[in-house]
Amino acid sequence: MVPYVLFLAVLPVANRVAPTVLGLPFLFFWMLVATVATPLAVWLTRRGERVRGQDGEAP
């Protein structure tokens, strides 16, 4: 759900050019952060499932 929320649900709110972050328009910066956060969210989910023993791999 995290990638969905970062890319789609927040898009109408983040669709601004006026504030710039690190010299980038806010929307571009937001998409960059969301793109970097997506693999992190997937990795954390996978790690959490392995800790609980639900990794789906054969024993």
C-alpha atoms as a PDB file:
ATOM      1  CA  MET A   1       0.000   0.000   0.000  1.00  0.00           C
ATOM      2  CA  VAL A   2       2.876   2.397   0.647  1.00  0.00           C
ATOM      3  CA  PRO A   3       3.907   2.744  -3.029  1.00  0.00           C
ATOM      4  CA  TYR A   4       0.277   3.243  -4.063  1.00  0.00           C
ATOM      5  CA  VAL A   5      -0.219   5.997  -1.520  1.00  0.00           C
ATOM      6  CA  LEU A   6       3.101   7.659  -2.383  1.00  0.00           C
ATOM      7  CA  PHE A   7       2.476   7.719  -6.127  1.00  0.00           C
ATOM      8  CA  LEU A   8      -1.268   8.089  -6.586  1.00  0.00           C
ATOM      9  CA  ALA A   9      -3.175   9.141  -3.491  1.00  0.00           C
ATOM     10  CA  VAL A  10      -0.823  11.992  -2.592  1.00  0.00           C
ATOM     11  CA  LEU A  11      -0.346  13.217  -6.150  1.00  0.00           C
ATOM     12  CA  PRO A  12      -3.125  15.859  -6.088  1.00  0.00           C
ATOM     13  CA  VAL A  13      -1.646  17.289  -2.889  1.00  0.00           C
ATOM     14  CA  ALA A  14       1.968  17.207  -4.082  1.00  0.00           C
ATOM     15  CA  ASN A  15       1.266  18.632  -7.539  1.00  0.00           C
ATOM     16  CA  ARG A  16       3.045  21.943  -6.960  1.00  0.00           C
ATOM     17  CA  VAL A  17       5.948  23.693  -8.550  1.00  0.00           C
ATOM     18  CA  ALA A  18       6.307  26.676  -6.239  1.00  0.00           C
ATOM     19  CA  PRO A  19       8.326  25.155  -3.405  1.00  0.00           C
ATOM     20  CA  THR A  20      11.611  23.786  -4.631  1.00  0.00           C
ATOM     21  CA  VAL A  21      13.572  21.172  -2.711  1.00  0.00           C
ATOM     22  CA  LEU A  22      17.259  20.808  -3.522  1.00  0.00           C
ATOM     23  CA  GLY A  23      16.668  22.860  -6.648  1.00  0.00           C
ATOM     24  CA  LEU A  24      13.945  20.527  -7.961  1.00  0.00           C
ATOM     25  CA  PRO A  25      10.249  21.318  -8.339  1.00  0.00           C
ATOM     26  CA  PHE A  26       8.318  19.772  -5.482  1.00  0.00           C
ATOM     27  CA  LEU A  27       6.461  17.234  -7.658  1.00  0.00           C
ATOM     28  CA  PHE A  28       9.695  15.941  -9.199  1.00  0.00           C
ATOM     29  CA  PHE A  29      11.308  15.680  -5.766  1.00  0.00           C
ATOM     30  CA  TRP A  30       8.234  13.834  -4.442  1.00  0.00           C
ATOM     31  CA  MET A  31       8.343  11.302  -7.293  1.00  0.00           C
ATOM     32  CA  LEU A  32      12.070  10.792  -6.720  1.00  0.00           C
ATOM     33  CA  VAL A  33      11.536  10.112  -3.019  1.00  0.00           C
ATOM     34  CA  ALA A  34       8.614   7.771  -3.777  1.00  0.00           C
ATOM     35  CA  THR A  35      10.709   5.862  -6.309  1.00  0.00           C
ATOM     36  CA  VAL A  36      13.482   5.362  -3.769  1.00  0.00           C
ATOM     37  CA  ALA A  37      11.020   4.476  -0.974  1.00  0.00           C
ATOM     38  CA  THR A  38       9.222   1.774  -2.990  1.00  0.00           C
ATOM     39  CA  PRO A  39      12.048  -0.816  -2.941  1.00  0.00           C
ATOM     40  CA  LEU A  40      12.644   0.022   0.700  1.00  0.00           C
ATOM     41  CA  ALA A  41       8.981  -0.705   1.509  1.00  0.00           C
ATOM     42  CA  VAL A  42       9.106  -3.976  -0.433  1.00  0.00           C
ATOM     43  CA  TRP A  43      12.303  -5.010   1.363  1.00  0.00           C
ATOM     44  CA  LEU A  44      10.833  -4.209   4.778  1.00  0.00           C
ATOM     45  CA  THR A  45       7.705  -6.203   3.947  1.00  0.00           C
ATOM     46  CA  ARG A  46       9.763  -9.186   2.792  1.00  0.00           C
ATOM     47  CA  ARG A  47      11.939  -8.984   5.892  1.00  0.00           C
ATOM     48  CA  GLY A  48       8.868  -8.863   8.138  1.00  0.00           C
ATOM     49  CA  GLU A  49       7.356 -11.901   6.449  1.00  0.00           C
ATOM     50  CA  ARG A  50      10.581 -13.887   6.798  1.00  0.00           C
ATOM     51  CA  VAL A  51      10.774 -13.049  10.500  1.00  0.00           C
ATOM     52  CA  ARG A  52       7.232 -14.352  10.989  1.00  0.00           C
ATOM     53  CA  GLY A  53       8.018 -17.452   8.922  1.00  0.00           C
ATOM     54  CA  GLN A  54       5.674 -16.634   6.047  1.00  0.00           C
ATOM     55  CA  ASP A  55       8.196 -16.329   3.247  1.00  0.00           C
ATOM     56  CA  GLY A  56       6.435 -18.823   0.985  1.00  0.00           C
ATOM     57  CA  GLU A  57       9.590 -20.823   0.288  1.00  0.00           C
ATOM     58  CA  ALA A  58       9.581 -24.616   0.497  1.00  0.00           C
ATOM     59  CA  PRO A  59      11.261 -26.006   3.641  1.00  0.00           C
END
